[in-house]
N, C-alpha and C. Protein backbone atom coordinates (compact mmCIF):
# COMPACT_ATOMS: atom_id res chain seq x y z
N MET A 1 -40.57 -60.85 39.98
CA MET A 1 -39.81 -62.03 39.53
C MET A 1 -38.48 -61.61 38.94
N THR A 2 -37.42 -62.24 39.39
CA THR A 2 -36.10 -61.92 38.86
C THR A 2 -35.55 -63.12 38.12
N SER A 3 -34.86 -62.87 37.04
CA SER A 3 -34.28 -63.96 36.26
C SER A 3 -33.09 -64.55 37.02
N PRO A 4 -32.79 -65.83 36.81
CA PRO A 4 -31.69 -66.48 37.53
C PRO A 4 -30.36 -65.75 37.37
N SER A 5 -30.10 -65.24 36.16
CA SER A 5 -28.81 -64.57 35.93
C SER A 5 -28.70 -63.32 36.79
N ILE A 6 -29.81 -62.57 36.92
CA ILE A 6 -29.79 -61.36 37.75
C ILE A 6 -29.60 -61.75 39.22
N GLU A 7 -30.26 -62.83 39.63
CA GLU A 7 -30.14 -63.26 41.03
C GLU A 7 -28.72 -63.68 41.35
N VAL A 8 -28.10 -64.42 40.42
CA VAL A 8 -26.71 -64.86 40.61
C VAL A 8 -25.79 -63.64 40.66
N HIS A 9 -26.03 -62.67 39.78
CA HIS A 9 -25.21 -61.46 39.76
C HIS A 9 -25.35 -60.71 41.08
N PHE A 10 -26.58 -60.67 41.62
CA PHE A 10 -26.82 -60.00 42.90
C PHE A 10 -26.08 -60.72 44.02
N GLN A 11 -26.13 -62.05 44.01
CA GLN A 11 -25.44 -62.84 45.05
C GLN A 11 -23.94 -62.63 44.96
N LEU A 12 -23.41 -62.59 43.73
CA LEU A 12 -21.97 -62.40 43.55
C LEU A 12 -21.55 -61.01 44.01
N SER A 13 -22.36 -59.99 43.74
CA SER A 13 -22.02 -58.63 44.16
C SER A 13 -22.02 -58.54 45.68
N GLN A 14 -23.01 -59.18 46.32
CA GLN A 14 -23.05 -59.20 47.78
C GLN A 14 -21.84 -59.95 48.32
N ALA A 15 -21.48 -61.03 47.65
CA ALA A 15 -20.33 -61.84 48.08
C ALA A 15 -19.05 -61.01 48.02
N LEU A 16 -18.90 -60.23 46.96
CA LEU A 16 -17.70 -59.39 46.83
C LEU A 16 -17.67 -58.34 47.94
N ASP A 17 -18.84 -57.80 48.29
CA ASP A 17 -18.89 -56.83 49.39
C ASP A 17 -18.44 -57.47 50.69
N LYS A 18 -18.91 -58.69 50.94
CA LYS A 18 -18.51 -59.40 52.16
C LYS A 18 -17.03 -59.75 52.10
N LEU A 19 -16.55 -60.06 50.89
CA LEU A 19 -15.16 -60.48 50.72
C LEU A 19 -14.21 -59.36 51.13
N HIS A 20 -14.59 -58.12 50.88
CA HIS A 20 -13.73 -56.99 51.23
C HIS A 20 -13.55 -56.88 52.74
N HIS A 21 -14.53 -57.40 53.49
CA HIS A 21 -14.46 -57.29 54.95
C HIS A 21 -13.70 -58.45 55.57
N LYS A 22 -13.43 -59.48 54.77
CA LYS A 22 -12.69 -60.63 55.30
C LYS A 22 -11.19 -60.36 55.23
N ARG A 23 -10.50 -60.66 56.32
CA ARG A 23 -9.06 -60.40 56.36
C ARG A 23 -8.26 -61.69 56.29
N ASN A 24 -8.87 -62.79 56.72
CA ASN A 24 -8.16 -64.08 56.71
C ASN A 24 -8.15 -64.64 55.29
N ILE A 25 -6.98 -65.00 54.80
CA ILE A 25 -6.87 -65.51 53.43
C ILE A 25 -7.64 -66.81 53.27
N GLU A 26 -7.63 -67.66 54.29
CA GLU A 26 -8.36 -68.92 54.20
C GLU A 26 -9.86 -68.65 54.06
N ASP A 27 -10.36 -67.66 54.82
CA ASP A 27 -11.77 -67.30 54.72
C ASP A 27 -12.09 -66.83 53.31
N ARG A 28 -11.19 -66.04 52.73
CA ARG A 28 -11.42 -65.55 51.37
C ARG A 28 -11.48 -66.70 50.38
N LEU A 29 -10.52 -67.63 50.48
CA LEU A 29 -10.49 -68.76 49.55
C LEU A 29 -11.72 -69.63 49.70
N ASN A 30 -12.12 -69.90 50.94
CA ASN A 30 -13.31 -70.71 51.18
C ASN A 30 -14.55 -70.01 50.63
N PHE A 31 -14.63 -68.68 50.85
CA PHE A 31 -15.79 -67.92 50.39
C PHE A 31 -15.85 -67.90 48.87
N LEU A 32 -14.71 -67.68 48.23
CA LEU A 32 -14.67 -67.68 46.76
C LEU A 32 -15.05 -69.05 46.22
N HIS A 33 -14.61 -70.10 46.88
CA HIS A 33 -14.94 -71.46 46.44
C HIS A 33 -16.45 -71.67 46.52
N GLN A 34 -17.08 -71.19 47.59
CA GLN A 34 -18.53 -71.32 47.74
C GLN A 34 -19.24 -70.55 46.64
N MET A 35 -18.78 -69.32 46.39
CA MET A 35 -19.44 -68.48 45.38
C MET A 35 -19.29 -69.09 43.99
N LEU A 36 -18.11 -69.61 43.68
CA LEU A 36 -17.91 -70.24 42.37
C LEU A 36 -18.78 -71.48 42.24
N HIS A 37 -18.93 -72.22 43.32
CA HIS A 37 -19.75 -73.43 43.30
C HIS A 37 -21.21 -73.06 43.04
N ILE A 38 -21.68 -71.97 43.68
CA ILE A 38 -23.06 -71.52 43.49
C ILE A 38 -23.24 -70.98 42.07
N ALA A 39 -22.25 -70.23 41.59
CA ALA A 39 -22.36 -69.63 40.26
C ALA A 39 -22.38 -70.70 39.17
N CYS A 40 -21.73 -71.83 39.44
CA CYS A 40 -21.68 -72.90 38.44
C CYS A 40 -22.97 -73.73 38.46
N LEU A 41 -23.81 -73.51 39.46
CA LEU A 41 -25.08 -74.24 39.55
C LEU A 41 -26.23 -73.24 39.56
N PRO A 42 -26.66 -72.75 38.37
CA PRO A 42 -27.67 -71.69 38.28
C PRO A 42 -28.98 -72.08 38.96
N GLY A 43 -29.35 -73.36 38.94
CA GLY A 43 -30.64 -73.77 39.49
C GLY A 43 -30.57 -74.08 40.97
N ALA A 44 -29.38 -74.02 41.55
CA ALA A 44 -29.22 -74.38 42.96
C ALA A 44 -29.62 -73.21 43.87
N GLN A 45 -30.21 -73.56 45.00
CA GLN A 45 -30.56 -72.55 45.99
C GLN A 45 -29.50 -72.56 47.09
N MET A 46 -29.30 -71.41 47.73
CA MET A 46 -28.32 -71.34 48.81
C MET A 46 -28.81 -72.12 50.03
């Protein structure tokens, strides 16, 4: 069992790894927007 904060941290770290591979600025902005939206909703599932 993992706590929500650890799970969110794991998702954000994975997101940053994916972000480094994105070259399109629009893709980066959209991806960051999704990650921020998920981070702001701790109880939400992807």
